[in-house]
C-alpha cells in the first residue's frame, strides 16, 4: 500500500491511500481506485440459499433474512446448480442501495438454464 500526498489549490491537502499499479519513468503513478457497491441480498424463501462470492466469502443466506454486502464492481456472485457453478449476477453500479430478492433471482436463473436444454 502506498501513501500519496497532494497539495491542491487554495492550500488544501489530500492524502490518498491506494494500491499502486505501476510507475512510469517520469515518476507518474497509476492508482487503482476500485469502486464498491453497497446493497442487500434478501432471501424470501423458507430454505437457506448457499452462494459463492469468489475471493470474498461463501455465505449461506438464512430463510426470511437480509444480508448487507459491499462488493467491488465486476464481482461475480455464483450458485451451484446441477453440479456446476453458475453466475447469479455480476455486481454493477445499478445495484447501489437496492435489495435483491435472491430466491426469485435463483428461480429465474434456474429456469433459463433448464430452457437451454
N, C-alpha and C. Protein backbone atom coordinates (compact mmCIF):
# COMPACT_ATOMS: atom_id res chain seq x y z
N UNK A 1 0.85 -1.17 0.00
CA UNK A 1 0.00 0.00 0.00
C UNK A 1 0.89 1.23 0.00
N UNK A 2 0.61 2.16 -0.84
CA UNK A 2 1.38 3.40 -0.94
C UNK A 2 0.53 4.55 -0.42
N UNK A 3 1.21 5.54 0.12
CA UNK A 3 0.55 6.75 0.57
C UNK A 3 1.02 7.89 -0.32
N UNK A 4 0.08 8.59 -0.91
CA UNK A 4 0.42 9.72 -1.76
C UNK A 4 -0.17 10.98 -1.15
N UNK A 5 0.61 12.03 -1.09
CA UNK A 5 0.16 13.28 -0.51
C UNK A 5 0.16 14.35 -1.59
N UNK A 6 -0.96 15.01 -1.78
CA UNK A 6 -1.09 16.05 -2.79
C UNK A 6 -1.43 17.36 -2.11
N UNK A 7 -0.83 18.43 -2.60
CA UNK A 7 -1.24 19.77 -2.17
C UNK A 7 -2.02 20.38 -3.31
N UNK A 8 -3.27 20.75 -3.02
CA UNK A 8 -4.17 21.27 -4.03
C UNK A 8 -4.22 22.79 -3.96
N UNK A 9 -4.88 23.39 -4.90
CA UNK A 9 -5.05 24.84 -4.92
C UNK A 9 -5.74 25.29 -3.64
N UNK A 10 -5.56 26.52 -3.26
CA UNK A 10 -6.17 27.13 -2.08
C UNK A 10 -5.65 26.53 -0.78
N UNK A 11 -4.48 25.91 -0.82
CA UNK A 11 -3.87 25.40 0.40
C UNK A 11 -4.49 24.13 0.94
N UNK A 12 -5.38 23.49 0.20
CA UNK A 12 -5.99 22.23 0.65
C UNK A 12 -5.03 21.08 0.39
N UNK A 13 -5.08 20.08 1.22
CA UNK A 13 -4.24 18.90 1.05
C UNK A 13 -5.10 17.66 0.96
N UNK A 14 -4.57 16.63 0.33
CA UNK A 14 -5.27 15.38 0.15
C UNK A 14 -4.29 14.24 0.38
N UNK A 15 -4.63 13.33 1.27
CA UNK A 15 -3.83 12.12 1.48
C UNK A 15 -4.59 10.99 0.84
N UNK A 16 -3.97 10.30 -0.10
CA UNK A 16 -4.61 9.22 -0.82
C UNK A 16 -3.90 7.92 -0.47
N UNK A 17 -4.66 6.95 -0.01
CA UNK A 17 -4.12 5.64 0.30
C UNK A 17 -4.75 4.67 -0.68
N UNK A 18 -3.93 4.07 -1.54
CA UNK A 18 -4.46 3.19 -2.57
C UNK A 18 -3.36 2.27 -3.07
N UNK A 19 -3.76 1.11 -3.60
CA UNK A 19 -2.75 0.24 -4.20
C UNK A 19 -2.18 0.87 -5.46
N UNK A 20 -0.86 0.92 -5.57
CA UNK A 20 -0.22 1.49 -6.75
C UNK A 20 -0.02 0.37 -7.75
N UNK A 21 -0.49 0.59 -8.99
CA UNK A 21 -0.42 -0.42 -10.03
C UNK A 21 0.92 -0.39 -10.77
N UNK A 22 1.43 0.81 -11.06
CA UNK A 22 2.67 0.90 -11.83
C UNK A 22 3.22 2.32 -11.74
N UNK A 23 4.51 2.44 -12.01
CA UNK A 23 5.14 3.75 -12.09
C UNK A 23 5.76 3.90 -13.47
N UNK A 24 5.76 5.13 -13.97
CA UNK A 24 6.38 5.39 -15.25
C UNK A 24 7.77 5.99 -15.01
N UNK A 25 8.63 6.03 -16.03
CA UNK A 25 9.96 6.65 -15.86
C UNK A 25 9.87 8.12 -15.45
N UNK A 26 8.77 8.78 -15.78
CA UNK A 26 8.61 10.18 -15.42
C UNK A 26 8.15 10.34 -13.97
N UNK A 27 7.95 9.23 -13.28
CA UNK A 27 7.53 9.29 -11.88
C UNK A 27 6.03 9.35 -11.70
N UNK A 28 5.27 9.27 -12.77
CA UNK A 28 3.82 9.26 -12.64
C UNK A 28 3.37 7.93 -12.06
N UNK A 29 2.29 7.94 -11.33
CA UNK A 29 1.82 6.72 -10.67
C UNK A 29 0.39 6.43 -11.10
N UNK A 30 0.15 5.16 -11.44
CA UNK A 30 -1.21 4.72 -11.76
C UNK A 30 -1.82 4.12 -10.50
N UNK A 31 -2.95 4.61 -10.11
CA UNK A 31 -3.57 4.17 -8.86
C UNK A 31 -4.87 3.45 -9.18
N UNK A 32 -5.08 2.33 -8.52
CA UNK A 32 -6.31 1.57 -8.67
C UNK A 32 -7.31 2.03 -7.62
N UNK A 33 -8.39 2.64 -8.06
CA UNK A 33 -9.46 3.02 -7.15
C UNK A 33 -10.65 2.13 -7.47
N UNK A 34 -10.78 1.05 -6.75
CA UNK A 34 -11.82 0.08 -7.01
C UNK A 34 -13.14 0.60 -6.48
N UNK A 35 -14.11 0.69 -7.37
CA UNK A 35 -15.43 1.16 -6.97
C UNK A 35 -16.18 0.02 -6.29
N UNK A 36 -16.77 0.32 -5.16
CA UNK A 36 -17.54 -0.67 -4.42
C UNK A 36 -19.00 -0.26 -4.37
N UNK A 37 -19.86 -1.25 -4.27
CA UNK A 37 -21.30 -1.04 -4.27
C UNK A 37 -21.87 -1.68 -3.00
N UNK A 38 -22.76 -0.95 -2.33
CA UNK A 38 -23.42 -1.45 -1.13
C UNK A 38 -24.85 -1.80 -1.50
N UNK A 39 -25.25 -3.04 -1.20
CA UNK A 39 -26.62 -3.46 -1.47
C UNK A 39 -26.99 -4.60 -0.53
N UNK A 40 -28.23 -5.07 -0.63
CA UNK A 40 -28.74 -6.10 0.29
C UNK A 40 -29.19 -7.32 -0.50
N UNK A 41 -28.81 -8.49 0.00
CA UNK A 41 -29.28 -9.76 -0.55
C UNK A 41 -30.42 -10.23 0.36
N UNK A 42 -31.60 -10.45 -0.22
CA UNK A 42 -32.78 -10.85 0.54
C UNK A 42 -33.17 -12.26 0.17
N UNK A 43 -33.39 -13.11 1.19
CA UNK A 43 -33.90 -14.46 0.97
C UNK A 43 -35.33 -14.51 1.50
N UNK A 44 -36.30 -14.49 0.60
CA UNK A 44 -37.71 -14.55 0.97
C UNK A 44 -38.21 -15.97 1.14
N UNK A 45 -37.40 -16.96 0.81
CA UNK A 45 -37.84 -18.36 0.87
C UNK A 45 -37.72 -18.92 2.29
N UNK A 46 -38.19 -20.15 2.44
CA UNK A 46 -38.12 -20.83 3.74
C UNK A 46 -36.93 -21.77 3.83
N UNK A 47 -36.02 -21.69 2.84
CA UNK A 47 -34.82 -22.54 2.82
C UNK A 47 -33.58 -21.65 2.76
N UNK A 48 -32.47 -22.15 3.31
CA UNK A 48 -31.18 -21.44 3.19
C UNK A 48 -30.74 -21.45 1.74
N UNK A 49 -30.06 -20.39 1.34
CA UNK A 49 -29.52 -20.30 -0.02
C UNK A 49 -28.01 -20.15 0.07
N UNK A 50 -27.27 -21.20 -0.34
CA UNK A 50 -25.80 -21.10 -0.35
C UNK A 50 -25.34 -20.35 -1.60
N UNK A 51 -24.45 -19.38 -1.41
CA UNK A 51 -23.89 -18.62 -2.52
C UNK A 51 -22.37 -18.71 -2.49
N UNK A 52 -21.74 -18.39 -3.58
CA UNK A 52 -20.28 -18.34 -3.68
C UNK A 52 -19.90 -16.96 -4.19
N UNK A 53 -19.05 -16.28 -3.43
CA UNK A 53 -18.53 -14.99 -3.86
C UNK A 53 -17.01 -15.15 -3.87
N UNK A 54 -16.44 -15.53 -5.05
CA UNK A 54 -15.01 -15.85 -5.14
C UNK A 54 -14.12 -14.76 -4.56
N UNK A 55 -13.18 -15.18 -3.73
CA UNK A 55 -12.22 -14.27 -3.14
C UNK A 55 -12.77 -13.45 -1.99
N UNK A 56 -14.05 -13.63 -1.67
CA UNK A 56 -14.66 -12.84 -0.61
C UNK A 56 -15.19 -13.74 0.49
N UNK A 57 -16.25 -14.51 0.17
CA UNK A 57 -16.86 -15.38 1.16
C UNK A 57 -17.82 -16.34 0.47
N UNK A 58 -18.30 -17.31 1.21
CA UNK A 58 -19.31 -18.25 0.72
C UNK A 58 -20.48 -18.23 1.70
N UNK A 59 -21.33 -17.21 1.59
CA UNK A 59 -22.40 -17.08 2.57
C UNK A 59 -23.55 -18.04 2.34
N UNK A 60 -24.22 -18.39 3.43
CA UNK A 60 -25.50 -19.08 3.39
C UNK A 60 -26.53 -18.06 3.81
N UNK A 61 -27.43 -17.70 2.92
CA UNK A 61 -28.47 -16.75 3.27
C UNK A 61 -29.56 -17.51 4.04
N UNK A 62 -29.77 -17.14 5.27
CA UNK A 62 -30.79 -17.79 6.09
C UNK A 62 -32.18 -17.49 5.54
N UNK A 63 -33.15 -18.39 5.82
CA UNK A 63 -34.52 -18.14 5.38
C UNK A 63 -35.05 -16.83 5.94
N UNK A 64 -35.84 -16.15 5.14
CA UNK A 64 -36.51 -14.91 5.55
C UNK A 64 -35.53 -13.90 6.15
N UNK A 65 -34.40 -13.67 5.47
CA UNK A 65 -33.37 -12.79 6.03
C UNK A 65 -32.85 -11.80 5.00
N UNK A 66 -32.19 -10.77 5.52
CA UNK A 66 -31.48 -9.78 4.71
C UNK A 66 -30.00 -9.86 5.07
N UNK A 67 -29.15 -9.69 4.08
CA UNK A 67 -27.72 -9.65 4.31
C UNK A 67 -27.13 -8.48 3.53
N UNK A 68 -26.63 -7.49 4.25
CA UNK A 68 -26.00 -6.35 3.60
C UNK A 68 -24.60 -6.70 3.14
N UNK A 69 -24.25 -6.31 1.92
CA UNK A 69 -22.93 -6.60 1.37
C UNK A 69 -22.33 -5.36 0.73
N UNK A 70 -21.01 -5.31 0.71
CA UNK A 70 -20.25 -4.29 0.00
C UNK A 70 -19.28 -5.04 -0.90
N UNK A 71 -19.49 -4.95 -2.20
CA UNK A 71 -18.68 -5.71 -3.15
C UNK A 71 -18.16 -4.79 -4.25
N UNK A 72 -17.04 -5.20 -4.84
CA UNK A 72 -16.44 -4.45 -5.94
C UNK A 72 -17.30 -4.58 -7.20
N UNK A 73 -17.32 -3.53 -7.99
CA UNK A 73 -17.96 -3.59 -9.30
C UNK A 73 -17.24 -4.66 -10.11
N UNK A 74 -18.00 -5.52 -10.76
CA UNK A 74 -17.44 -6.63 -11.54
C UNK A 74 -17.36 -7.94 -10.79
N UNK A 75 -17.56 -7.91 -9.47
CA UNK A 75 -17.52 -9.13 -8.65
C UNK A 75 -18.66 -10.06 -9.07
N UNK A 76 -18.36 -11.34 -9.23
CA UNK A 76 -19.38 -12.33 -9.57
C UNK A 76 -19.94 -12.96 -8.30
N UNK A 77 -21.24 -13.17 -8.30
CA UNK A 77 -21.90 -13.94 -7.24
C UNK A 77 -22.40 -15.20 -7.92
N UNK A 78 -21.96 -16.35 -7.41
CA UNK A 78 -22.25 -17.64 -8.03
C UNK A 78 -23.17 -18.49 -7.17
N UNK A 79 -23.77 -19.50 -7.81
CA UNK A 79 -24.53 -20.52 -7.11
C UNK A 79 -24.24 -21.85 -7.80
N UNK A 80 -24.47 -22.95 -7.10
CA UNK A 80 -24.27 -24.26 -7.70
C UNK A 80 -25.63 -24.82 -8.12
N UNK A 81 -25.66 -25.36 -9.34
CA UNK A 81 -26.89 -25.95 -9.86
C UNK A 81 -26.52 -27.08 -10.81
N UNK A 82 -27.08 -28.23 -10.57
CA UNK A 82 -26.82 -29.42 -11.37
C UNK A 82 -25.32 -29.70 -11.47
N UNK A 83 -24.63 -29.57 -10.33
CA UNK A 83 -23.22 -29.91 -10.23
C UNK A 83 -22.24 -28.89 -10.80
N UNK A 84 -22.73 -27.75 -11.26
CA UNK A 84 -21.86 -26.74 -11.84
C UNK A 84 -22.03 -25.40 -11.14
N UNK A 85 -20.95 -24.62 -11.13
CA UNK A 85 -21.03 -23.25 -10.63
C UNK A 85 -21.62 -22.38 -11.74
N UNK A 86 -22.62 -21.60 -11.37
CA UNK A 86 -23.31 -20.73 -12.33
C UNK A 86 -23.26 -19.29 -11.83
N UNK A 87 -23.31 -18.36 -12.73
CA UNK A 87 -23.31 -16.94 -12.36
C UNK A 87 -24.74 -16.52 -12.03
N UNK A 88 -24.94 -16.05 -10.81
CA UNK A 88 -26.22 -15.49 -10.41
C UNK A 88 -26.31 -14.04 -10.88
N UNK A 89 -25.23 -13.29 -10.62
CA UNK A 89 -25.18 -11.91 -11.08
C UNK A 89 -23.75 -11.40 -11.02
N UNK A 90 -23.52 -10.32 -11.73
CA UNK A 90 -22.25 -9.61 -11.70
C UNK A 90 -22.55 -8.21 -11.17
N UNK A 91 -21.84 -7.82 -10.13
CA UNK A 91 -22.10 -6.55 -9.45
C UNK A 91 -21.81 -5.38 -10.39
N UNK A 92 -22.75 -4.44 -10.44
CA UNK A 92 -22.53 -3.19 -11.17
C UNK A 92 -23.13 -2.04 -10.36
N UNK A 93 -22.90 -0.83 -10.84
CA UNK A 93 -23.31 0.37 -10.10
C UNK A 93 -24.81 0.46 -9.89
N UNK A 94 -25.60 -0.19 -10.75
CA UNK A 94 -27.06 -0.09 -10.65
C UNK A 94 -27.61 -0.76 -9.39
N UNK A 95 -26.79 -1.58 -8.72
CA UNK A 95 -27.24 -2.28 -7.50
C UNK A 95 -27.13 -1.42 -6.25
N UNK A 96 -26.46 -0.29 -6.34
CA UNK A 96 -26.23 0.58 -5.18
C UNK A 96 -27.53 0.86 -4.42
N UNK A 97 -27.56 0.50 -3.13
CA UNK A 97 -28.70 0.79 -2.26
C UNK A 97 -29.92 -0.09 -2.47
N UNK A 98 -29.86 -1.03 -3.39
CA UNK A 98 -31.03 -1.87 -3.69
C UNK A 98 -31.06 -3.12 -2.82
N UNK A 99 -32.24 -3.73 -2.76
CA UNK A 99 -32.43 -5.02 -2.11
C UNK A 99 -32.80 -6.02 -3.20
N UNK A 100 -31.98 -7.06 -3.35
CA UNK A 100 -32.22 -8.08 -4.37
C UNK A 100 -32.93 -9.27 -3.75
N UNK A 101 -34.00 -9.71 -4.38
CA UNK A 101 -34.72 -10.90 -3.95
C UNK A 101 -33.99 -12.10 -4.54
N UNK A 102 -33.07 -12.68 -3.77
CA UNK A 102 -32.21 -13.75 -4.27
C UNK A 102 -32.99 -15.01 -4.60
N UNK A 103 -33.99 -15.35 -3.80
CA UNK A 103 -34.78 -16.56 -4.08
C UNK A 103 -35.48 -16.45 -5.43
N UNK A 104 -36.03 -15.29 -5.76
CA UNK A 104 -36.68 -15.10 -7.06
C UNK A 104 -35.65 -15.10 -8.19
N UNK A 105 -34.52 -14.43 -7.98
CA UNK A 105 -33.46 -14.40 -8.98
C UNK A 105 -32.94 -15.80 -9.27
N UNK A 106 -32.79 -16.62 -8.23
CA UNK A 106 -32.35 -18.01 -8.42
C UNK A 106 -33.34 -18.81 -9.26
N UNK A 107 -34.61 -18.65 -8.97
CA UNK A 107 -35.64 -19.36 -9.75
C UNK A 107 -35.56 -18.98 -11.22
N UNK A 108 -35.39 -17.68 -11.49
CA UNK A 108 -35.29 -17.21 -12.87
C UNK A 108 -34.06 -17.79 -13.57
N UNK A 109 -32.92 -17.78 -12.89
CA UNK A 109 -31.67 -18.30 -13.49
C UNK A 109 -31.80 -19.80 -13.75
N UNK A 110 -32.37 -20.55 -12.81
CA UNK A 110 -32.54 -22.00 -13.00
C UNK A 110 -33.48 -22.29 -14.16
N UNK A 111 -34.53 -21.49 -14.30
CA UNK A 111 -35.46 -21.65 -15.41
C UNK A 111 -34.75 -21.40 -16.74
N UNK A 112 -33.91 -20.35 -16.79
CA UNK A 112 -33.14 -20.05 -18.01
C UNK A 112 -32.24 -21.22 -18.38
N UNK A 113 -31.56 -21.78 -17.39
CA UNK A 113 -30.63 -22.91 -17.62
C UNK A 113 -31.40 -24.11 -18.14
N UNK A 114 -32.54 -24.40 -17.51
CA UNK A 114 -33.34 -25.57 -17.92
C UNK A 114 -33.93 -25.41 -19.32
N UNK A 115 -34.25 -24.19 -19.73
CA UNK A 115 -34.83 -23.96 -21.05
C UNK A 115 -33.80 -24.09 -22.16
N UNK A 116 -32.51 -23.93 -21.83
CA UNK A 116 -31.46 -24.04 -22.85
C UNK A 116 -31.25 -25.48 -23.30
N UNK A 117 -31.75 -26.42 -22.53
CA UNK A 117 -31.52 -27.83 -22.88
C UNK A 117 -32.59 -28.38 -23.76
